[in-house]
Amino acid sequence: MACGCGGTNGGSGGCGGEKPLANPLLETELAHELPQAAASAVVEFDPAPVAQSADAESMLIASSEQDWPRIRVNGVLIEPEAMALELQYHPAAEQSEAMFLAAQALVIRELLQQRGAELGLEVEAGVGESQEEALIRTLIEREVPVPEADEQACEHFYASNLSRFVSAPLLAARHILLDCAPDDIEDRISKREEADALLAQLKADPQRFTELALAHSSCPSKEHGGALGQLSKGQTVPEFERQLFRQQQGLVGQPLESRYGFHVMYVDQRIEGLQLPYDAVAQDIRRELYQRVWQKAVSQYLQTLVGRAEQRRDGKEGRARGSPSAARLGWPAAGK
């Protein structure tokens, strides 16, 4: 089992965490930009078939594709198969919430595709980019101009946020890993008790750390007294890093828990970070300010698309038709 804490060779001990799943462009950059209330303005719901049952409340969460509402954006039907495929990118505590998030992303996608077709955009996909992603990227670049932050704005942001622009501290640390699976509750309770017992021994005699690491640690670093070498941020899994970098020099007062188990820690050295000069972070500041403006501009653009769609339906069917299916997704019925 990887130890989750950097190993002894410059942080290559398997603690960098798992590679996250790739998310579609819309989910990561656009889906959250469309206000929920506005989404209802361009969406029409056909009521889904509802089984006859004495317990109507049991139907609040769809149990199959046949129970899902039929969603239309400006008259274009979003197929249930598309909803099923999109759901995997929107984990949620309840299926109804996941369905709402998936439906919102699909509505945004359809709005943007319709606008691209209206403009007659012809695009060429880049490396690793789908035609759909290329179309949306080109459309946003064309219709959402975003000004670059000027030097004065960047310098003001730097001066107002000095604490953010500090180099990460460096730690030299040792550990004893008591490994256990993240979902094995009984083993975790047992290993926590074992970690507490080891910590009590070390509080009585810190010089025994090397001895106890060799005898009890599950990490290969035990052959070197549990030494992890020099650690900086980004080398360990997030939950371990958050706890470790708050510690001061010396024996850590309680075991640190990670997905890999419990770590009895000793910080041998801590070198605090230094204030970074403006020139070293100016590009990062410029990118952050650009991203903030971009998000606001995209939100306004999507609301413009919603407004145009609403106008095209005036005198026809109006706003989203109210139905049990619409309520199940969390969108307001017409006139509310």
C-alpha atoms as a PDB file:
ATOM      1  CA  MET A   1       0.000   0.000   0.000  1.00  0.00           C
ATOM      2  CA  ALA A   2       1.313   3.471  -0.845  1.00  0.00           C
ATOM      3  CA  CYS A   3       2.086   5.381   2.314  1.00  0.00           C
ATOM      4  CA  GLY A   4       0.576   8.669   1.293  1.00  0.00           C
ATOM      5  CA  CYS A   5       3.337  10.812   2.664  1.00  0.00           C
ATOM      6  CA  GLY A   6       6.148  11.256   0.212  1.00  0.00           C
ATOM      7  CA  GLY A   7       8.486   8.339   0.866  1.00  0.00           C
ATOM      8  CA  THR A   8      12.189   8.985   1.268  1.00  0.00           C
ATOM      9  CA  ASN A   9      13.145   9.929  -2.265  1.00  0.00           C
ATOM     10  CA  GLY A  10      11.848  13.395  -2.902  1.00  0.00           C
ATOM     11  CA  GLY A  11       8.149  12.697  -2.646  1.00  0.00           C
ATOM     12  CA  SER A  12       7.820   9.789  -5.050  1.00  0.00           C
ATOM     13  CA  GLY A  13       6.375   7.409  -2.501  1.00  0.00           C
ATOM     14  CA  GLY A  14       2.885   7.310  -3.925  1.00  0.00           C
ATOM     15  CA  CYS A  15       1.381  10.100  -1.874  1.00  0.00           C
ATOM     16  CA  GLY A  16       0.489  12.447  -4.684  1.00  0.00           C
ATOM     17  CA  GLY A  17      -3.007  11.034  -4.774  1.00  0.00           C
ATOM     18  CA  GLU A  18      -4.919   9.442  -7.597  1.00  0.00           C
ATOM     19  CA  LYS A  19      -5.256  11.156 -10.960  1.00  0.00           C
ATOM     20  CA  PRO A  20      -8.655  12.826 -11.048  1.00  0.00           C
ATOM     21  CA  LEU A  21     -11.170  11.861 -13.673  1.00  0.00           C
ATOM     22  CA  ALA A  22     -11.272  14.194 -16.630  1.00  0.00           C
ATOM     23  CA  ASN A  23     -14.372  16.383 -16.614  1.00  0.00           C
ATOM     24  CA  PRO A  24     -16.070  17.739 -19.722  1.00  0.00           C
ATOM     25  CA  LEU A  25     -15.564  21.397 -20.567  1.00  0.00           C
ATOM     26  CA  LEU A  26     -19.120  22.322 -19.775  1.00  0.00           C
ATOM     27  CA  GLU A  27     -19.093  20.769 -16.344  1.00  0.00           C
ATOM     28  CA  THR A  28     -15.835  22.395 -15.278  1.00  0.00           C
ATOM     29  CA  GLU A  29     -16.205  25.854 -16.774  1.00  0.00           C
ATOM     30  CA  LEU A  30     -19.743  26.676 -17.845  1.00  0.00           C
ATOM     31  CA  ALA A  31     -22.356  24.599 -16.061  1.00  0.00           C
ATOM     32  CA  HIS A  32     -22.270  26.646 -12.852  1.00  0.00           C
ATOM     33  CA  GLU A  33     -22.594  29.929 -14.715  1.00  0.00           C
ATOM     34  CA  LEU A  34     -26.287  29.554 -15.646  1.00  0.00           C
ATOM     35  CA  PRO A  35     -28.582  30.685 -12.824  1.00  0.00           C
ATOM     36  CA  GLN A  36     -31.087  28.005 -11.838  1.00  0.00           C
ATOM     37  CA  ALA A  37     -34.053  30.304 -12.099  1.00  0.00           C
ATOM     38  CA  ALA A  38     -33.025  31.389 -15.584  1.00  0.00           C
ATOM     39  CA  ALA A  39     -32.682  27.796 -16.738  1.00  0.00           C
ATOM     40  CA  SER A  40     -36.422  27.287 -16.455  1.00  0.00           C
ATOM     41  CA  ALA A  41     -37.069  30.029 -18.989  1.00  0.00           C
ATOM     42  CA  VAL A  42     -35.814  28.019 -21.959  1.00  0.00           C
ATOM     43  CA  VAL A  43     -36.733  24.527 -20.850  1.00  0.00           C
ATOM     44  CA  GLU A  44     -40.013  22.815 -21.600  1.00  0.00           C
ATOM     45  CA  PHE A  45     -40.942  19.691 -19.681  1.00  0.00           C
ATOM     46  CA  ASP A  46     -43.126  16.898 -20.951  1.00  0.00           C
ATOM     47  CA  PRO A  47     -44.515  15.118 -17.920  1.00  0.00           C
ATOM     48  CA  ALA A  48     -42.907  11.743 -17.418  1.00  0.00           C
ATOM     49  CA  PRO A  49     -45.159   8.711 -17.007  1.00  0.00           C
ATOM     50  CA  VAL A  50     -46.043   8.305 -13.343  1.00  0.00           C
ATOM     51  CA  ALA A  51     -46.946   4.839 -12.146  1.00  0.00           C
ATOM     52  CA  GLN A  52     -50.221   4.534 -10.282  1.00  0.00           C
ATOM     53  CA  SER A  53     -49.376   4.070  -6.623  1.00  0.00           C
ATOM     54  CA  ALA A  54     -50.929   4.792  -3.269  1.00  0.00           C
ATOM     55  CA  ASP A  55     -47.599   6.225  -2.136  1.00  0.00           C
ATOM     56  CA  ALA A  56     -47.057   9.236  -4.393  1.00  0.00           C
ATOM     57  CA  GLU A  57     -44.038  10.422  -2.382  1.00  0.00           C
ATOM     58  CA  SER A  58     -42.078   7.346  -3.441  1.00  0.00           C
ATOM     59  CA  MET A  59     -41.986   8.728  -7.003  1.00  0.00           C
ATOM     60  CA  LEU A  60     -40.053  11.890  -6.129  1.00  0.00           C
ATOM     61  CA  ILE A  61     -36.804  10.357  -7.404  1.00  0.00           C
ATOM     62  CA  ALA A  62     -36.787   8.799 -10.847  1.00  0.00           C
ATOM     63  CA  SER A  63     -36.050   5.096 -10.759  1.00  0.00           C
ATOM     64  CA  SER A  64     -35.505   4.497 -14.480  1.00  0.00           C
ATOM     65  CA  GLU A  65     -35.107   6.343 -17.756  1.00  0.00           C
ATOM     66  CA  GLN A  66     -38.836   5.947 -18.341  1.00  0.00           C
ATOM     67  CA  ASP A  67     -39.459   8.089 -15.247  1.00  0.00           C
ATOM     68  CA  TRP A  68     -37.279  10.978 -16.448  1.00  0.00           C
ATOM     69  CA  PRO A  69     -38.858  14.173 -17.785  1.00  0.00           C
ATOM     70  CA  ARG A  70     -38.508  14.949 -21.462  1.00  0.00           C
ATOM     71  CA  ILE A  71     -36.570  18.214 -21.709  1.00  0.00           C
ATOM     72  CA  ARG A  72     -36.793  20.523 -24.719  1.00  0.00           C
ATOM     73  CA  VAL A  73     -34.630  23.574 -25.326  1.00  0.00           C
ATOM     74  CA  ASN A  74     -36.268  25.887 -27.869  1.00  0.00           C
ATOM     75  CA  GLY A  75     -38.192  22.860 -29.064  1.00  0.00           C
ATOM     76  CA  VAL A  76     -35.138  20.585 -29.377  1.00  0.00           C
ATOM     77  CA  LEU A  77     -35.525  17.388 -27.376  1.00  0.00           C
ATOM     78  CA  ILE A  78     -32.718  16.274 -25.067  1.00  0.00           C
ATOM     79  CA  GLU A  79     -32.778  12.505 -25.287  1.00  0.00           C
ATOM     80  CA  PRO A  80     -32.897  10.401 -22.109  1.00  0.00           C
ATOM     81  CA  GLU A  81     -29.741   8.644 -23.328  1.00  0.00           C
ATOM     82  CA  ALA A  82     -27.883  11.970 -23.152  1.00  0.00           C
ATOM     83  CA  MET A  83     -29.137  12.482 -19.615  1.00  0.00           C
ATOM     84  CA  ALA A  84     -27.968   9.004 -18.623  1.00  0.00           C
ATOM     85  CA  LEU A  85     -24.504   9.675 -20.045  1.00  0.00           C
ATOM     86  CA  GLU A  86     -24.245  13.104 -18.399  1.00  0.00           C
ATOM     87  CA  LEU A  87     -25.244  11.855 -14.946  1.00  0.00           C
ATOM     88  CA  GLN A  88     -21.855  10.235 -14.357  1.00  0.00           C
ATOM     89  CA  TYR A  89     -20.240  13.680 -14.160  1.00  0.00           C
ATOM     90  CA  HIS A  90     -22.604  14.951 -11.447  1.00  0.00           C
ATOM     91  CA  PRO A  91     -22.383  12.841  -8.283  1.00  0.00           C
ATOM     92  CA  ALA A  92     -24.879  13.963  -5.658  1.00  0.00           C
ATOM     93  CA  ALA A  93     -26.465  12.722  -2.457  1.00  0.00           C
ATOM     94  CA  GLU A  94     -29.793  12.138  -4.195  1.00  0.00           C
ATOM     95  CA  GLN A  95     -30.606  11.187  -7.753  1.00  0.00           C
ATOM     96  CA  SER A  96     -32.995  14.115  -8.124  1.00  0.00           C
ATOM     97  CA  GLU A  97     -30.114  16.543  -7.466  1.00  0.00           C
ATOM     98  CA  ALA A  98     -27.823  14.708  -9.871  1.00  0.00           C
ATOM     99  CA  MET A  99     -30.558  14.830 -12.517  1.00  0.00           C
ATOM    100  CA  PHE A 100     -30.959  18.570 -12.064  1.00  0.00           C
ATOM    101  CA  LEU A 101     -27.216  19.198 -12.433  1.00  0.00           C
ATOM    102  CA  ALA A 102     -27.016  16.960 -15.499  1.00  0.00           C
ATOM    103  CA  ALA A 103     -30.057  18.618 -17.057  1.00  0.00           C
ATOM    104  CA  GLN A 104     -28.606  22.087 -16.439  1.00  0.00           C
ATOM    105  CA  ALA A 105     -25.344  21.146 -18.167  1.00  0.00           C
ATOM    106  CA  LEU A 106     -27.228  19.700 -21.131  1.00  0.00           C
ATOM    107  CA  VAL A 107     -29.400  22.819 -21.407  1.00  0.00           C
ATOM    108  CA  ILE A 108     -26.290  25.013 -21.509  1.00  0.00           C
ATOM    109  CA  ARG A 109     -24.694  22.769 -24.098  1.00  0.00           C
ATOM    110  CA  GLU A 110     -27.775  22.914 -26.307  1.00  0.00           C
ATOM    111  CA  LEU A 111     -28.087  26.690 -25.991  1.00  0.00           C
ATOM    112  CA  LEU A 112     -24.473  27.155 -27.064  1.00  0.00           C
ATOM    113  CA  GLN A 113     -24.750  24.702 -29.944  1.00  0.00           C
ATOM    114  CA  GLN A 114     -27.884  26.411 -31.182  1.00  0.00           C
ATOM    115  CA  ARG A 115     -26.141  29.779 -31.091  1.00  0.00           C
ATOM    116  CA  GLY A 116     -23.116  28.389 -32.913  1.00  0.00           C
ATOM    117  CA  ALA A 117     -25.368  26.971 -35.632  1.00  0.00           C
ATOM    118  CA  GLU A 118     -27.228  30.273 -35.872  1.00  0.00           C
ATOM    119  CA  LEU A 119     -23.933  32.062 -36.534  1.00  0.00           C
ATOM    120  CA  GLY A 120     -22.802  29.407 -38.986  1.00  0.00           C
ATOM    121  CA  LEU A 121     -19.532  28.873 -37.162  1.00  0.00           C
ATOM    122  CA  GLU A 122     -17.070  26.510 -38.773  1.00  0.00           C
ATOM    123  CA  VAL A 123     -14.395  25.248 -36.431  1.00  0.00           C
ATOM    124  CA  GLU A 124     -11.459  22.908 -36.439  1.00  0.00           C
ATOM    125  CA  ALA A 125     -10.841  20.880 -33.317  1.00  0.00           C
ATOM    126  CA  GLY A 126      -7.423  21.132 -31.716  1.00  0.00           C
ATOM    127  CA  VAL A 127      -5.378  18.295 -30.301  1.00  0.00           C
ATOM    128  CA  GLY A 128      -7.393  16.403 -27.698  1.00  0.00           C
ATOM    129  CA  GLU A 129     -10.459  18.542 -28.385  1.00  0.00           C
ATOM    130  CA  SER A 130     -13.831  17.382 -29.696  1.00  0.00           C
ATOM    131  CA  GLN A 131     -15.769  19.281 -32.361  1.00  0.00           C
ATOM    132  CA  GLU A 132     -18.321  20.269 -29.730  1.00  0.00           C
ATOM    133  CA  GLU A 133     -15.613  21.648 -27.434  1.00  0.00           C
ATOM    134  CA  ALA A 134     -14.048  23.510 -30.348  1.00  0.00           C
ATOM    135  CA  LEU A 135     -17.407  25.040 -31.264  1.00  0.00           C
ATOM    136  CA  ILE A 136     -18.087  26.206 -27.714  1.00  0.00           C
ATOM    137  CA  ARG A 137     -14.542  27.568 -27.304  1.00  0.00           C
ATOM    138  CA  THR A 138     -14.786  29.479 -30.590  1.00  0.00           C
ATOM    139  CA  LEU A 139     -18.243  30.804 -29.742  1.00  0.00           C
ATOM    140  CA  ILE A 140     -17.162  32.071 -26.329  1.00  0.00           C
ATOM    141  CA  GLU A 141     -14.005  33.660 -27.759  1.00  0.00           C
ATOM    142  CA  ARG A 142     -16.087  35.423 -30.421  1.00  0.00           C
ATOM    143  CA  GLU A 143     -19.035  36.600 -28.352  1.00  0.00           C
ATOM    144  CA  VAL A 144     -17.558  37.084 -24.876  1.00  0.00           C
ATOM    145  CA  PRO A 145     -14.717  39.604 -25.116  1.00  0.00           C
ATOM    146  CA  VAL A 146     -12.806  39.786 -21.850  1.00  0.00           C
ATOM    147  CA  PRO A 147     -10.365  42.648 -21.164  1.00  0.00           C
ATOM    148  CA  GLU A 148      -6.992  41.911 -19.591  1.00  0.00           C
ATOM    149  CA  ALA A 149      -6.379  43.304 -16.118  1.00  0.00           C
ATOM    150  CA  ASP A 150      -4.087  46.349 -16.225  1.00  0.00           C
ATOM    151  CA  GLU A 151      -0.932  46.734 -14.152  1.00  0.00           C
ATOM    152  CA  GLN A 152      -2.585  48.999 -11.603  1.00  0.00           C
ATOM    153  CA  ALA A 153      -5.331  46.448 -10.883  1.00  0.00           C
ATOM    154  CA  CYS A 154      -2.771  43.659 -10.501  1.00  0.00           C
ATOM    155  CA  GLU A 155      -0.581  45.670  -8.136  1.00  0.00           C
ATOM    156  CA  HIS A 156      -3.609  46.625  -6.035  1.00  0.00           C
ATOM    157  CA  PHE A 157      -4.665  42.973  -5.784  1.00  0.00           C
ATOM    158  CA  TYR A 158      -1.154  41.988  -4.702  1.00  0.00           C
ATOM    159  CA  ALA A 159      -0.984  44.680  -2.016  1.00  0.00           C
ATOM    160  CA  SER A 160      -4.407  43.689  -0.677  1.00  0.00           C
ATOM    161  CA  ASN A 161      -3.567  39.982  -0.495  1.00  0.00           C
ATOM    162  CA  LEU A 162       0.060  39.799   0.640  1.00  0.00           C
ATOM    163  CA  SER A 163      -0.540  36.745   2.816  1.00  0.00           C
ATOM    164  CA  ARG A 164      -1.520  34.738  -0.251  1.00  0.00           C
ATOM    165  CA  PHE A 165       1.802  35.321  -1.969  1.00  0.00           C
ATOM    166  CA  VAL A 166       4.172  33.520   0.338  1.00  0.00           C
ATOM    167  CA  SER A 167       6.331  30.562  -0.608  1.00  0.00           C
ATOM    168  CA  ALA A 168       5.275  27.249   0.931  1.00  0.00           C
ATOM    169  CA  PRO A 169       7.081  26.162   4.085  1.00  0.00           C
ATOM    170  CA  LEU A 170       9.488  23.233   3.945  1.00  0.00           C
ATOM    171  CA  LEU A 171       9.389  20.406   6.452  1.00  0.00           C
ATOM    172  CA  ALA A 172      11.800  17.642   7.302  1.00  0.00           C
ATOM    173  CA  ALA A 173       9.774  14.951   9.021  1.00  0.00           C
ATOM    174  CA  ARG A 174       9.656  11.318  10.129  1.00  0.00           C
ATOM    175  CA  HIS A 175       6.626   9.081  10.532  1.00  0.00           C
ATOM    176  CA  ILE A 176       5.352   5.705  11.610  1.00  0.00           C
ATOM    177  CA  LEU A 177       2.535   4.550   9.339  1.00  0.00           C
ATOM    178  CA  LEU A 178      -0.099   2.165  10.655  1.00  0.00           C
ATOM    179  CA  ASP A 179      -1.854   1.291   7.431  1.00  0.00           C
ATOM    180  CA  CYS A 180      -5.524   0.388   7.066  1.00  0.00           C
ATOM    181  CA  ALA A 181      -8.134   0.515   4.327  1.00  0.00           C
ATOM    182  CA  PRO A 182     -10.263   3.696   4.293  1.00  0.00           C
ATOM    183  CA  ASP A 183     -13.506   1.688   4.444  1.00  0.00           C
ATOM    184  CA  ASP A 184     -12.475  -0.777   7.179  1.00  0.00           C
ATOM    185  CA  ILE A 185     -13.976   0.915  10.224  1.00  0.00           C
ATOM    186  CA  GLU A 186     -12.999  -1.736  12.742  1.00  0.00           C
ATOM    187  CA  ASP A 187      -9.378  -1.817  11.573  1.00  0.00           C
ATOM    188  CA  ARG A 188      -9.230   1.980  11.663  1.00  0.00           C
ATOM    189  CA  ILE A 189     -10.411   2.043  15.248  1.00  0.00           C
ATOM    190  CA  SER A 190      -7.801  -0.577  16.140  1.00  0.00           C
ATOM    191  CA  LYS A 191      -4.981   1.246  14.315  1.00  0.00           C
ATOM    192  CA  ARG A 192      -5.914   4.548  15.940  1.00  0.00           C
ATOM    193  CA  GLU A 193      -5.601   2.929  19.352  1.00  0.00           C
ATOM    194  CA  GLU A 194      -2.240   1.464  18.342  1.00  0.00           C
ATOM    195  CA  ALA A 195      -1.085   4.878  17.128  1.00  0.00           C
ATOM    196  CA  ASP A 196      -2.115   6.475  20.421  1.00  0.00           C
ATOM    197  CA  ALA A 197      -0.130   3.832  22.323  1.00  0.00           C
ATOM    198  CA  LEU A 198       2.990   4.457  20.210  1.00  0.00           C
ATOM    199  CA  LEU A 199       2.615   8.193  20.709  1.00  0.00           C
ATOM    200  CA  ALA A 200       2.456   7.731  24.470  1.00  0.00           C
ATOM    201  CA  GLN A 201       5.730   5.798  24.374  1.00  0.00           C
ATOM    202  CA  LEU A 202       7.369   8.519  22.277  1.00  0.00           C
ATOM    203  CA  LYS A 203       6.212  11.277  24.598  1.00  0.00           C
ATOM    204  CA  ALA A 204       7.975   9.417  27.377  1.00  0.00           C
ATOM    205  CA  ASP A 205      11.114   8.820  25.284  1.00  0.00           C
ATOM    206  CA  PRO A 206      11.333  10.553  21.857  1.00  0.00           C
ATOM    207  CA  GLN A 207      14.692   8.864  21.207  1.00  0.00           C
ATOM    208  CA  ARG A 208      12.844   5.590  20.513  1.00  0.00           C
ATOM    209  CA  PHE A 209      11.311   6.879  17.257  1.00  0.00           C
ATOM    210  CA  THR A 210      13.758   4.975  14.995  1.00  0.00           C
ATOM    211  CA  GLU A 211      13.273   1.776  16.981  1.00  0.00           C
ATOM    212  CA  LEU A 212       9.478   1.981  16.924  1.00  0.00           C
ATOM    213  CA  ALA A 213       9.357   2.943  13.245  1.00  0.00           C
ATOM    214  CA  LEU A 214      11.347  -0.135  12.297  1.00  0.00           C
ATOM    215  CA  ALA A 215       9.122  -2.358  14.422  1.00  0.00           C
ATOM    216  CA  HIS A 216       5.684  -0.971  13.556  1.00  0.00           C
ATOM    217  CA  SER A 217       5.644   1.174  10.391  1.00  0.00           C
ATOM    218  CA  SER A 218       4.100  -0.111   7.155  1.00  0.00           C
ATOM    219  CA  CYS A 219       6.032   2.417   5.073  1.00  0.00           C
ATOM    220  CA  PRO A 220       9.355   1.543   3.385  1.00  0.00           C
ATOM    221  CA  SER A 221      10.782   4.627   5.106  1.00  0.00           C
ATOM    222  CA  LYS A 222      11.014   2.540   8.297  1.00  0.00           C
ATOM    223  CA  GLU A 223      14.395   1.309   7.051  1.00  0.00           C
ATOM    224  CA  HIS A 224      15.587   4.903   7.467  1.00  0.00           C
ATOM    225  CA  GLY A 225      13.989   5.572  10.836  1.00  0.00           C
ATOM    226  CA  GLY A 226      10.764   6.755   9.198  1.00  0.00           C
ATOM    227  CA  ALA A 227      12.514   9.724   7.548  1.00  0.00           C
ATOM    228  CA  LEU A 228      10.528  11.281   4.704  1.00  0.00           C
ATOM    229  CA  GLY A 229      13.158  13.756   3.626  1.00  0.00           C
ATOM    230  CA  GLN A 230      12.256  17.340   2.803  1.00  0.00           C
ATOM    231  CA  LEU A 231       8.569  17.908   2.057  1.00  0.00           C
ATOM    232  CA  SER A 232       6.873  20.815   0.351  1.00  0.00           C
ATOM    233  CA  LYS A 233       3.246  21.365  -0.520  1.00  0.00           C
ATOM    234  CA  GLY A 234       1.877  19.280  -3.361  1.00  0.00           C
ATOM    235  CA  GLN A 235       3.925  16.174  -2.555  1.00  0.00           C
ATOM    236  CA  THR A 236       1.377  14.507  -0.296  1.00  0.00           C
ATOM    237  CA  VAL A 237      -2.312  13.666  -0.484  1.00  0.00           C
ATOM    238  CA  PRO A 238      -4.449  16.700   0.454  1.00  0.00           C
ATOM    239  CA  GLU A 239      -5.908  15.446   3.731  1.00  0.00           C
ATOM    240  CA  PHE A 240      -2.438  14.566   5.034  1.00  0.00           C
ATOM    241  CA  GLU A 241      -0.875  17.788   3.790  1.00  0.00           C
ATOM    242  CA  ARG A 242      -3.499  20.013   5.442  1.00  0.00           C
ATOM    243  CA  GLN A 243      -2.704  18.522   8.839  1.00  0.00           C
ATOM    244  CA  LEU A 244       1.063  18.171   8.438  1.00  0.00           C
ATOM    245  CA  PHE A 245       1.849  21.728   7.392  1.00  0.00           C
ATOM    246  CA  ARG A 246       0.079  23.144  10.450  1.00  0.00           C
ATOM    247  CA  GLN A 247       2.509  21.373  12.768  1.00  0.00           C
ATOM    248  CA  GLN A 248       5.432  22.975  14.532  1.00  0.00           C
ATOM    249  CA  GLN A 249       8.839  21.418  15.095  1.00  0.00           C
ATOM    250  CA  GLY A 250       8.915  18.395  17.406  1.00  0.00           C
ATOM    251  CA  LEU A 251       6.719  15.392  18.125  1.00  0.00           C
ATOM    252  CA  VAL A 252       3.206  15.926  16.780  1.00  0.00           C
ATOM    253  CA  GLY A 253       0.710  15.677  19.628  1.00  0.00           C
ATOM    254  CA  GLN A 254      -1.769  13.324  17.957  1.00  0.00           C
ATOM    255  CA  PRO A 255      -1.778  10.832  15.074  1.00  0.00           C
ATOM    256  CA  LEU A 256      -2.567  12.272  11.646  1.00  0.00           C
ATOM    257  CA  GLU A 257      -5.173  10.379   9.642  1.00  0.00           C
ATOM    258  CA  SER A 258      -5.100   9.901   5.871  1.00  0.00           C
ATOM    259  CA  ARG A 259      -6.704   7.548   3.379  1.00  0.00           C
ATOM    260  CA  TYR A 260      -3.738   5.231   3.995  1.00  0.00           C
ATOM    261  CA  GLY A 261      -4.079   4.962   7.764  1.00  0.00           C
ATOM    262  CA  PHE A 262      -2.645   6.744  10.800  1.00  0.00           C
ATOM    263  CA  HIS A 263       0.711   8.530  10.922  1.00  0.00           C
ATOM    264  CA  VAL A 264       2.689   9.137  14.100  1.00  0.00           C
ATOM    265  CA  MET A 265       4.754  12.185  13.146  1.00  0.00           C
ATOM    266  CA  TYR A 266       7.917  13.961  14.236  1.00  0.00           C
ATOM    267  CA  VAL A 267       8.837  17.264  12.543  1.00  0.00           C
ATOM    268  CA  ASP A 268      12.618  17.605  12.637  1.00  0.00           C
ATOM    269  CA  GLN A 269      12.795  20.995  10.929  1.00  0.00           C
ATOM    270  CA  ARG A 270      10.395  23.637   9.683  1.00  0.00           C
ATOM    271  CA  ILE A 271      11.463  26.452   7.354  1.00  0.00           C
ATOM    272  CA  GLU A 272       8.774  29.105   6.986  1.00  0.00           C
ATOM    273  CA  GLY A 273       7.867  30.490   3.597  1.00  0.00           C
ATOM    274  CA  LEU A 274       9.050  33.880   2.394  1.00  0.00           C
ATOM    275  CA  GLN A 275       7.106  36.796   0.960  1.00  0.00           C
ATOM    276  CA  LEU A 276       7.187  36.542  -2.831  1.00  0.00           C
ATOM    277  CA  PRO A 277       7.931  39.734  -4.768  1.00  0.00           C
ATOM    278  CA  TYR A 278       5.252  41.171  -7.052  1.00  0.00           C
ATOM    279  CA  ASP A 279       7.193  40.366 -10.222  1.00  0.00           C
ATOM    280  CA  ALA A 280       7.253  36.678  -9.286  1.00  0.00           C
ATOM    281  CA  VAL A 281       3.470  36.434  -9.052  1.00  0.00           C
ATOM    282  CA  ALA A 282       2.251  39.113 -11.475  1.00  0.00           C
ATOM    283  CA  GLN A 283       1.334  36.599 -14.189  1.00  0.00           C
ATOM    284  CA  ASP A 284      -0.605  34.443 -11.725  1.00  0.00           C
ATOM    285  CA  ILE A 285      -2.506  37.499 -10.514  1.00  0.00           C
ATOM    286  CA  ARG A 286      -3.272  38.556 -14.065  1.00  0.00           C
ATOM    287  CA  ARG A 287      -4.624  35.082 -14.864  1.00  0.00           C
ATOM    288  CA  GLU A 288      -6.779  35.019 -11.723  1.00  0.00           C
ATOM    289  CA  LEU A 289      -8.293  38.425 -12.395  1.00  0.00           C
ATOM    290  CA  TYR A 290      -8.918  37.433 -16.009  1.00  0.00           C
ATOM    291  CA  GLN A 291     -10.688  34.249 -14.865  1.00  0.00           C
ATOM    292  CA  ARG A 292     -12.921  36.219 -12.509  1.00  0.00           C
ATOM    293  CA  VAL A 293     -13.957  38.609 -15.255  1.00  0.00           C
ATOM    294  CA  TRP A 294     -14.394  35.692 -17.690  1.00  0.00           C
ATOM    295  CA  GLN A 295     -16.769  33.890 -15.334  1.00  0.00           C
ATOM    296  CA  LYS A 296     -18.888  36.993 -14.868  1.00  0.00           C
ATOM    297  CA  ALA A 297     -18.940  37.712 -18.597  1.00  0.00           C
ATOM    298  CA  VAL A 298     -19.915  34.128 -19.457  1.00  0.00           C
ATOM    299  CA  SER A 299     -22.712  34.221 -16.875  1.00  0.00           C
ATOM    300  CA  GLN A 300     -24.081  37.390 -18.443  1.00  0.00           C
ATOM    301  CA  TYR A 301     -23.745  35.893 -21.929  1.00  0.00           C
ATOM    302  CA  LEU A 302     -25.673  32.754 -20.968  1.00  0.00           C
ATOM    303  CA  GLN A 303     -28.418  34.906 -19.472  1.00  0.00           C
ATOM    304  CA  THR A 304     -28.547  36.766 -22.785  1.00  0.00           C
ATOM    305  CA  LEU A 305     -29.062  33.464 -24.615  1.00  0.00           C
ATOM    306  CA  VAL A 306     -31.817  32.605 -22.152  1.00  0.00           C
ATOM    307  CA  GLY A 307     -33.468  35.981 -22.781  1.00  0.00           C
ATOM    308  CA  ARG A 308     -33.373  35.519 -26.547  1.00  0.00           C
ATOM    309  CA  ALA A 309     -34.866  32.049 -26.262  1.00  0.00           C
ATOM    310  CA  GLU A 310     -37.631  33.376 -24.034  1.00  0.00           C
ATOM    311  CA  GLN A 311     -38.505  36.080 -26.590  1.00  0.00           C
ATOM    312  CA  ARG A 312     -38.738  33.545 -29.429  1.00  0.00           C
ATOM    313  CA  ARG A 313     -41.419  31.656 -27.511  1.00  0.00           C
ATOM    314  CA  ASP A 314     -43.479  34.707 -26.591  1.00  0.00           C
ATOM    315  CA  GLY A 315     -47.042  34.236 -27.782  1.00  0.00           C
ATOM    316  CA  LYS A 316     -46.542  30.494 -28.111  1.00  0.00           C
ATOM    317  CA  GLU A 317     -45.969  28.352 -25.042  1.00  0.00           C
ATOM    318  CA  GLY A 318     -44.336  30.961 -22.820  1.00  0.00           C
ATOM    319  CA  ARG A 319     -42.127  29.912 -19.958  1.00  0.00           C
ATOM    320  CA  ALA A 320     -41.391  26.412 -18.809  1.00  0.00           C
ATOM    321  CA  ARG A 321     -44.530  24.393 -18.366  1.00  0.00           C
ATOM    322  CA  GLY A 322     -45.109  23.344 -14.775  1.00  0.00           C
ATOM    323  CA  SER A 323     -45.227  19.619 -14.145  1.00  0.00           C
ATOM    324  CA  PRO A 324     -44.277  17.103 -11.482  1.00  0.00           C
ATOM    325  CA  SER A 325     -41.185  16.400 -13.551  1.00  0.00           C
ATOM    326  CA  ALA A 326     -40.126  20.041 -13.539  1.00  0.00           C
ATOM    327  CA  ALA A 327     -40.569  20.253  -9.787  1.00  0.00           C
ATOM    328  CA  ARG A 328     -38.594  17.055  -9.365  1.00  0.00           C
ATOM    329  CA  LEU A 329     -35.595  18.704 -11.026  1.00  0.00           C
ATOM    330  CA  GLY A 330     -35.866  21.764  -8.812  1.00  0.00           C
ATOM    331  CA  TRP A 331     -36.908  24.315 -11.453  1.00  0.00           C
ATOM    332  CA  PRO A 332     -39.832  26.617 -10.751  1.00  0.00           C
ATOM    333  CA  ALA A 333     -43.069  26.201 -12.639  1.00  0.00           C
ATOM    334  CA  ALA A 334     -44.300  28.860 -15.050  1.00  0.00           C
ATOM    335  CA  GLY A 335     -45.290  32.152 -13.499  1.00  0.00           C
ATOM    336  CA  LYS A 336     -43.357  31.584 -10.254  1.00  0.00           C
END
